[in-house]
Amino acid sequence: MKLQPIPGPSLPQPARRYDTVAVIGAGSWGTALAATLARSGATARLWGRDPAVITDINRQRENTRHLPGVPLPEGLFGIKEMRDALDGADAALIVVPSRSVRSVARQVALFAPKGMPVAVCAKGIEAETGLLMTQVAEEELPGHPVGVVSGPTFARETALNHPTAATVAFAFGPSDRINPGTSPAVRLALSLTTESFRAYVSDDLVGVEVGGAVKNVIAIACGMMTGAGFAENTRAALITRGLDEMKQLAEALGGRRETVTGLSGIGDLTLTCSSPTSRNMSLGFQLGEGVPRADCFDGKPVVVEGEMNAKSVTDLAHRVGVSMPICEAVQTILRDGADLGATFAALWARPIESEPRSMDLVFDHPASAQAIQNLAERIS
């Protein structure tokens, strides 16, 4: 029997993929996205800083440094000059660590065709300004539609063609509402969609980005408690209450709570908090075991987005009046050197609150002192 796809809503107007997409950043995730674009039928131009990586991609059809053992499809071309990658491209993805988004976006602005859509694929909040990554890119790319691609996606699994889903978000103007098939969000979503990769469309950039930024910090918390010897109950509690922190921050910044319950929110949160493949979870686990930070990852200089963004997330929360106690706990441990056991004991001993928050109830914790003493001893 021939299987048929489950029917879904159809677009009111036809939509067309982008023919050529520049991917700026040849790390593991940039390479995985470029491979996905190539499999969808687009020409993917993958630019990276290191000429040796680009040479390997073109000669061996493999990114031996960042995705060893993963064959890359035809239609993916490594490019050594950013100018050449962007020349004549229909759209671009910026796939670099959050701390590099501003400087790279500034370079992209020099060579990008006029009005070319640019999607940021980094997750975080800029420390100096408190801006989300798309807001950073918008400052450096005036005249370009700026969006975001985010979701529960490990690079290696994506590159190996495992079934994967993510969200593509751009602002929708009046013309996009009338004819969504010509919008950057829809066109890029179609450009990324293959037999195994499903891209969904959103107009809520804030909700999508807050999910991506906060989940990394919550994943460190889950790793810490798992490394300290706790199991499923503890992680489920942190994930659920971490989701509430996400919702509050997204809503305070103008995003929608509904978005945070989607792929870029709870989807990414669940993935990152449940697997040691996540650098954030792995860092937290090692710290929970008592490994000094300098010795984590065998002393290698591994970039961990949640570690870089713990302070920027909590600083932004303070600015908009949102309480994020789990993120605060991670920030206190990472940046202030607070004792892990005492910090999480204090988190569990906080006053009892209502769920949902609309009830607005707060009571003294009846076993606060015991919780602090017992939990701190068990973790230490």
Protein backbone atom coordinates (compact mmCIF):
# COMPACT_ATOMS: atom_id res chain seq x y z
CA MET A 1 0.00 0.00 0.00
CA LYS A 2 1.38 3.39 -0.95
CA LEU A 3 1.62 5.70 2.06
CA GLN A 4 0.24 9.21 1.73
CA PRO A 5 1.23 12.23 3.87
CA ILE A 6 -1.29 13.40 6.44
CA PRO A 7 -3.09 16.38 4.88
CA GLY A 8 -2.52 19.80 6.41
CA PRO A 9 -3.50 23.40 5.72
CA SER A 10 -2.56 24.69 2.29
CA LEU A 11 -1.12 28.11 1.50
CA PRO A 12 -3.45 30.56 -0.22
CA GLN A 13 -0.69 31.43 -2.70
CA PRO A 14 2.11 29.34 -4.21
CA ALA A 15 5.48 29.56 -2.49
CA ARG A 16 8.96 29.06 -3.88
CA ARG A 17 12.19 28.06 -2.18
CA TYR A 18 15.32 30.14 -2.35
CA ASP A 19 17.71 28.94 -5.04
CA THR A 20 20.99 30.00 -3.38
CA VAL A 21 21.58 30.42 0.36
CA ALA A 22 24.80 31.56 2.01
CA VAL A 23 25.57 29.92 5.35
CA ILE A 24 27.97 32.08 7.35
CA GLY A 25 29.75 29.85 9.86
CA ALA A 26 31.23 26.43 9.13
CA GLY A 27 30.96 24.89 12.59
CA SER A 28 28.88 21.79 13.23
CA TRP A 29 25.49 23.52 13.11
CA GLY A 30 26.33 25.69 10.12
CA THR A 31 27.52 22.61 8.24
CA ALA A 32 24.38 20.67 9.19
CA LEU A 33 22.14 23.49 7.97
CA ALA A 34 24.10 23.80 4.74
CA ALA A 35 23.72 20.06 4.19
CA THR A 36 19.97 20.35 4.79
CA LEU A 37 19.67 23.20 2.29
CA ALA A 38 21.61 21.21 -0.31
CA ARG A 39 19.40 18.16 0.20
CA SER A 40 16.33 20.34 -0.33
CA GLY A 41 17.63 21.35 -3.75
CA ALA A 42 19.15 24.73 -2.95
CA THR A 43 22.74 25.69 -3.65
CA ALA A 44 24.36 26.05 -0.22
CA ARG A 45 27.48 28.23 0.01
CA LEU A 46 29.19 27.52 3.33
CA TRP A 47 31.67 30.15 4.51
CA GLY A 48 34.08 29.61 7.39
CA ARG A 49 36.99 31.49 8.94
CA ASP A 50 39.41 28.57 8.70
CA PRO A 51 40.58 27.87 5.12
CA ALA A 52 41.64 24.34 6.13
CA VAL A 53 38.06 23.46 7.11
CA ILE A 54 36.74 24.81 3.82
CA THR A 55 39.38 22.86 1.87
CA ASP A 56 38.37 19.63 3.63
CA ILE A 57 34.70 20.25 2.85
CA ASN A 58 35.39 20.66 -0.86
CA ARG A 59 38.02 17.93 -1.27
CA GLN A 60 36.76 15.26 1.10
CA ARG A 61 33.05 16.17 1.17
CA GLU A 62 33.29 16.15 4.95
CA ASN A 63 33.84 18.67 7.75
CA THR A 64 36.51 16.59 9.44
CA ARG A 65 36.97 19.03 12.33
CA HIS A 66 33.39 19.68 13.36
CA LEU A 67 31.34 16.79 11.89
CA PRO A 68 33.79 13.94 11.31
CA GLY A 69 32.40 10.88 9.57
CA VAL A 70 29.35 12.67 8.13
CA PRO A 71 29.31 12.74 4.30
CA LEU A 72 28.14 16.04 2.81
CA PRO A 73 25.74 16.17 -0.15
CA GLU A 74 26.27 17.59 -3.60
CA GLY A 75 25.11 21.18 -3.84
CA LEU A 76 27.10 22.23 -0.77
CA PHE A 77 30.16 24.30 -1.58
CA GLY A 78 32.77 25.54 0.88
CA ILE A 79 33.66 29.20 0.27
CA LYS A 80 36.75 30.93 1.65
CA GLU A 81 35.73 34.55 1.00
CA MET A 82 32.55 35.93 2.56
CA ARG A 83 32.10 38.25 -0.41
CA ASP A 84 31.92 35.25 -2.74
CA ALA A 85 29.49 33.39 -0.48
CA LEU A 86 27.05 36.32 -0.41
CA ASP A 87 27.40 37.50 -4.00
CA GLY A 88 24.04 36.90 -5.69
CA ALA A 89 22.66 34.84 -2.80
CA ASP A 90 18.90 34.89 -2.22
CA ALA A 91 19.15 34.58 1.57
CA ALA A 92 21.75 34.03 4.29
CA LEU A 93 22.04 32.24 7.61
CA ILE A 94 24.39 33.54 10.31
CA VAL A 95 25.51 30.47 12.27
CA VAL A 96 28.15 31.59 14.76
CA PRO A 97 28.31 31.73 18.58
CA SER A 98 26.13 34.45 20.08
CA ARG A 99 29.11 36.56 21.12
CA SER A 100 30.19 36.82 17.46
CA VAL A 101 26.82 37.69 15.90
CA ARG A 102 27.35 41.46 15.91
CA SER A 103 30.79 41.41 14.33
CA VAL A 104 29.78 38.84 11.71
CA ALA A 105 26.54 40.66 10.87
CA ARG A 106 28.60 43.80 10.35
CA GLN A 107 30.75 41.90 7.83
CA VAL A 108 27.68 40.47 6.11
CA ALA A 109 26.31 43.98 5.65
CA LEU A 110 29.34 44.86 3.52
CA PHE A 111 28.63 42.19 0.89
CA ALA A 112 24.97 41.17 1.14
CA PRO A 113 22.72 41.98 -1.84
CA LYS A 114 20.26 44.78 -1.12
CA GLY A 115 17.22 43.62 0.85
CA MET A 116 18.44 40.02 1.16
CA PRO A 117 16.78 38.20 4.11
CA VAL A 118 19.14 37.10 6.88
CA ALA A 119 18.27 34.53 9.56
CA VAL A 120 20.28 34.27 12.77
CA CYS A 121 20.88 30.73 14.01
CA ALA A 122 22.57 31.63 17.32
CA LYS A 123 20.86 31.44 20.71
CA GLY A 124 21.51 34.03 23.36
CA ILE A 125 21.28 37.60 24.62
CA GLU A 126 24.03 40.13 24.04
CA ALA A 127 25.73 40.84 27.35
CA GLU A 128 26.51 44.50 26.77
CA THR A 129 23.08 45.56 25.49
CA GLY A 130 20.54 42.95 26.60
CA LEU A 131 19.44 42.60 22.98
CA LEU A 132 18.22 39.38 21.41
CA MET A 133 20.31 38.07 18.53
CA THR A 134 17.92 39.28 15.81
CA GLN A 135 17.89 42.73 17.40
CA VAL A 136 21.68 42.76 17.29
CA ALA A 137 21.63 41.74 13.62
CA GLU A 138 18.99 44.34 12.78
CA GLU A 139 21.25 47.08 14.11
CA GLU A 140 24.06 45.94 11.81
CA LEU A 141 21.90 45.05 8.79
CA PRO A 142 19.55 47.99 8.12
CA GLY A 143 17.31 47.37 5.14
CA HIS A 144 17.47 43.58 5.45
CA PRO A 145 14.63 41.44 6.80
CA VAL A 146 16.09 39.64 9.82
CA GLY A 147 14.71 36.42 11.25
CA VAL A 148 15.73 33.40 13.30
CA VAL A 149 15.95 29.61 12.91
CA SER A 150 15.67 27.70 16.18
CA GLY A 151 14.49 24.40 17.59
CA PRO A 152 15.45 21.07 19.19
CA THR A 153 18.31 20.25 16.88
CA PHE A 154 21.59 18.50 17.53
CA ALA A 155 23.87 19.20 14.59
CA ARG A 156 25.14 15.67 14.04
CA GLU A 157 21.69 14.11 14.00
CA THR A 158 20.48 16.78 11.59
CA ALA A 159 23.46 16.24 9.30
CA LEU A 160 22.84 12.47 9.39
CA ASN A 161 19.30 13.08 8.11
CA HIS A 162 17.47 12.04 11.27
CA PRO A 163 13.85 13.26 11.43
CA THR A 164 14.16 16.80 12.82
CA ALA A 165 11.96 19.89 13.14
CA ALA A 166 12.68 23.57 13.75
CA THR A 167 10.99 26.96 13.56
CA VAL A 168 11.73 29.77 11.10
CA ALA A 169 10.53 33.17 12.34
CA PHE A 170 10.43 36.54 10.59
CA ALA A 171 8.22 39.56 11.11
CA PHE A 172 5.14 39.50 8.86
CA GLY A 173 4.24 42.79 7.23
CA PRO A 174 0.92 43.54 5.47
CA SER A 175 2.14 42.11 2.14
CA ASP A 176 3.30 38.93 3.90
CA ARG A 177 -0.17 38.50 5.42
CA ILE A 178 -1.81 38.90 2.01
CA ASN A 179 0.64 36.64 0.21
CA PRO A 180 2.54 34.55 2.78
CA GLY A 181 4.15 32.43 0.09
CA THR A 182 6.48 35.31 -0.77
CA SER A 183 7.47 35.99 2.86
CA PRO A 184 11.06 35.26 3.95
CA ALA A 185 9.80 32.95 6.71
CA VAL A 186 7.85 30.70 4.35
CA ARG A 187 10.47 30.71 1.59
CA LEU A 188 13.30 29.85 3.99
CA ALA A 189 11.18 27.20 5.72
CA LEU A 190 10.59 25.55 2.34
CA SER A 191 14.28 25.86 1.50
CA LEU A 192 15.15 23.90 4.65
CA THR A 193 12.45 21.26 4.32
CA THR A 194 13.56 17.83 3.13
CA GLU A 195 12.29 14.29 3.50
CA SER A 196 13.59 14.33 7.09
CA PHE A 197 13.75 18.02 8.13
CA ARG A 198 10.47 19.84 8.81
CA ALA A 199 10.52 23.61 9.17
CA TYR A 200 7.60 25.44 10.78
CA VAL A 201 6.78 29.14 10.31
CA SER A 202 6.32 31.81 12.98
CA ASP A 203 6.02 35.58 13.21
CA ASP A 204 7.00 35.71 16.91
CA LEU A 205 10.73 36.39 16.89
CA VAL A 206 10.80 37.28 20.59
CA GLY A 207 9.12 34.07 21.72
CA VAL A 208 11.34 31.92 19.51
CA GLU A 209 14.54 33.64 20.65
CA VAL A 210 13.76 33.71 24.36
CA GLY A 211 13.21 29.96 24.27
CA GLY A 212 16.58 29.41 22.62
CA ALA A 213 18.45 31.68 25.02
CA VAL A 214 16.94 30.55 28.32
CA LYS A 215 16.91 26.79 27.67
CA ASN A 216 20.71 26.68 27.67
CA VAL A 217 20.83 28.08 31.21
CA ILE A 218 18.14 25.67 32.44
CA ALA A 219 20.08 22.79 30.86
CA ILE A 220 23.13 23.69 32.95
CA ALA A 221 20.92 23.54 36.05
CA CYS A 222 19.63 20.10 35.04
CA GLY A 223 23.17 18.92 34.45
CA MET A 224 24.31 20.19 37.82
CA MET A 225 21.61 18.34 39.72
CA THR A 226 22.06 15.18 37.66
CA GLY A 227 25.81 15.26 38.24
CA ALA A 228 25.14 15.71 41.94
CA GLY A 229 23.30 12.38 41.96
CA PHE A 230 19.65 13.27 41.49
CA ALA A 231 17.43 11.77 38.79
CA GLU A 232 14.17 12.11 36.87
CA ASN A 233 11.95 13.87 39.42
CA THR A 234 14.49 16.63 39.87
CA ARG A 235 15.09 17.14 36.16
CA ALA A 236 11.35 17.15 35.40
CA ALA A 237 10.81 19.83 38.04
CA LEU A 238 13.62 22.00 36.64
CA ILE A 239 12.38 21.63 33.08
CA THR A 240 8.81 22.52 34.02
CA ARG A 241 9.67 25.47 36.21
CA GLY A 242 12.31 26.55 33.69
CA LEU A 243 9.58 26.62 31.05
CA ASP A 244 7.62 28.95 33.29
CA GLU A 245 10.63 31.27 33.49
CA MET A 246 10.83 31.23 29.69
CA LYS A 247 7.15 32.12 29.35
CA GLN A 248 7.40 35.01 31.77
CA LEU A 249 10.40 36.56 30.06
CA ALA A 250 8.96 36.10 26.56
CA GLU A 251 5.69 37.71 27.57
CA ALA A 252 7.44 40.62 29.31
CA LEU A 253 9.41 41.31 26.12
CA GLY A 254 6.34 41.23 23.88
CA GLY A 255 6.44 37.59 22.79
CA ARG A 256 3.68 35.01 23.09
CA ARG A 257 3.52 32.29 25.74
CA GLU A 258 2.13 29.95 23.08
CA THR A 259 5.40 30.18 21.13
CA VAL A 260 7.37 29.00 24.13
CA THR A 261 5.29 25.81 24.24
CA GLY A 262 6.47 25.01 20.70
CA LEU A 263 9.61 23.64 19.10
CA SER A 264 11.89 26.56 19.94
CA GLY A 265 10.75 26.58 23.57
CA ILE A 266 9.74 23.39 25.32
CA GLY A 267 11.02 21.29 22.41
CA ASP A 268 14.53 22.69 22.61
CA LEU A 269 14.38 22.79 26.41
CA THR A 270 13.50 19.09 26.66
CA LEU A 271 16.23 18.06 24.23
CA THR A 272 18.97 20.15 25.80
CA CYS A 273 18.07 19.16 29.36
CA SER A 274 17.93 15.43 28.66
CA SER A 275 21.13 14.53 26.85
CA PRO A 276 24.85 14.77 27.57
CA THR A 277 25.24 15.55 23.85
CA SER A 278 24.29 19.07 24.90
CA ARG A 279 27.36 21.05 25.93
CA ASN A 280 25.21 22.92 28.45
CA MET A 281 23.93 19.75 30.10
CA SER A 282 27.43 18.27 29.98
CA LEU A 283 29.03 21.30 31.64
CA GLY A 284 26.44 21.27 34.40
CA PHE A 285 26.90 17.53 34.94
CA GLN A 286 30.64 17.88 35.36
CA LEU A 287 30.23 20.78 37.78
CA GLY A 288 27.63 18.77 39.71
CA GLU A 289 30.16 15.96 40.04
CA GLY A 290 32.60 18.42 41.59
CA VAL A 291 34.90 18.87 38.58
CA PRO A 292 36.51 22.34 38.66
CA ARG A 293 35.45 24.50 35.71
CA ALA A 294 39.00 24.66 34.34
CA ASP A 295 39.09 20.84 34.14
CA CYS A 296 35.71 20.38 32.44
CA PHE A 297 35.79 18.89 28.93
CA ASP A 298 39.29 17.59 29.75
CA GLY A 299 40.51 21.16 29.95
CA LYS A 300 39.57 21.93 26.32
CA PRO A 301 38.24 25.45 25.55
CA VAL A 302 34.68 24.40 24.69
CA VAL A 303 32.18 27.20 24.00
CA VAL A 304 29.07 26.73 26.16
CA GLU A 305 26.32 29.18 25.22
CA GLY A 306 24.43 28.87 28.51
CA GLU A 307 27.56 29.75 30.46
CA MET A 308 28.06 32.87 28.36
CA ASN A 309 24.39 33.84 28.57
CA ALA A 310 23.54 33.12 32.21
CA LYS A 311 24.40 36.68 33.20
CA SER A 312 22.79 38.34 30.19
CA VAL A 313 19.56 36.37 30.71
CA THR A 314 19.31 37.27 34.40
CA ASP A 315 20.33 40.89 33.79
CA LEU A 316 17.56 41.24 31.21
CA ALA A 317 15.07 39.61 33.58
CA HIS A 318 15.97 42.14 36.29
CA ARG A 319 15.51 44.97 33.80
CA VAL A 320 11.95 43.93 32.90
CA GLY A 321 10.96 42.82 36.42
CA VAL A 322 10.74 39.05 35.85
CA SER A 323 11.68 36.51 38.52
CA MET A 324 13.85 33.66 37.18
CA PRO A 325 15.13 31.79 40.25
CA ILE A 326 16.62 28.79 38.37
CA CYS A 327 18.57 31.03 36.01
CA GLU A 328 19.62 33.12 39.00
CA ALA A 329 20.95 30.01 40.75
CA VAL A 330 23.04 29.03 37.72
CA GLN A 331 24.34 32.57 37.35
CA THR A 332 25.32 32.74 41.02
CA ILE A 333 27.29 29.49 40.77
CA LEU A 334 28.99 30.22 37.45
CA ARG A 335 29.79 33.88 37.85
CA ASP A 336 29.93 34.49 41.60
CA GLY A 337 31.51 31.21 42.63
CA ALA A 338 28.65 30.31 44.96
CA ASP A 339 28.54 26.84 46.46
CA LEU A 340 26.45 24.56 44.26
CA GLY A 341 24.85 22.63 47.11
CA ALA A 342 23.92 25.68 49.15
CA THR A 343 22.56 27.49 46.10
CA PHE A 344 20.25 24.68 44.99
CA ALA A 345 19.19 24.03 48.58
CA ALA A 346 18.13 27.67 48.83
CA LEU A 347 16.26 27.32 45.52
CA TRP A 348 14.23 24.38 46.85
CA ALA A 349 13.58 26.15 50.16
CA ARG A 350 11.99 29.24 48.58
CA PRO A 351 8.47 30.25 49.71
CA ILE A 352 5.59 28.13 48.39
CA GLU A 353 3.88 29.70 45.37
CA SER A 354 0.72 29.03 43.38
CA GLU A 355 0.55 27.37 40.01
CA PRO A 356 -0.91 29.00 37.94
CA ARG A 357 0.60 32.37 38.77
CA SER A 358 -2.75 34.08 38.27
CA MET A 359 -3.71 32.87 41.76
CA ASP A 360 -0.90 35.08 43.12
CA LEU A 361 -0.35 33.16 46.38
CA VAL A 362 2.86 33.01 48.44
CA PHE A 363 3.33 31.13 51.76
CA ASP A 364 6.29 30.44 53.99
CA HIS A 365 7.97 27.11 53.28
CA PRO A 366 7.14 24.93 56.31
CA ALA A 367 10.40 22.96 56.08
CA SER A 368 12.70 25.65 54.76
CA ALA A 369 15.49 25.18 57.28
CA GLN A 370 15.48 21.39 56.90
CA ALA A 371 15.46 21.66 53.10
CA ILE A 372 18.49 23.92 53.16
CA GLN A 373 20.42 21.72 55.55
CA ASN A 374 19.55 18.31 54.08
CA LEU A 375 19.82 19.18 50.40
CA ALA A 376 23.02 21.11 50.82
CA GLU A 377 24.58 18.12 52.61
CA ARG A 378 23.44 15.67 49.92
CA ILE A 379 24.87 17.76 47.11
CA SER A 380 28.18 18.60 48.81
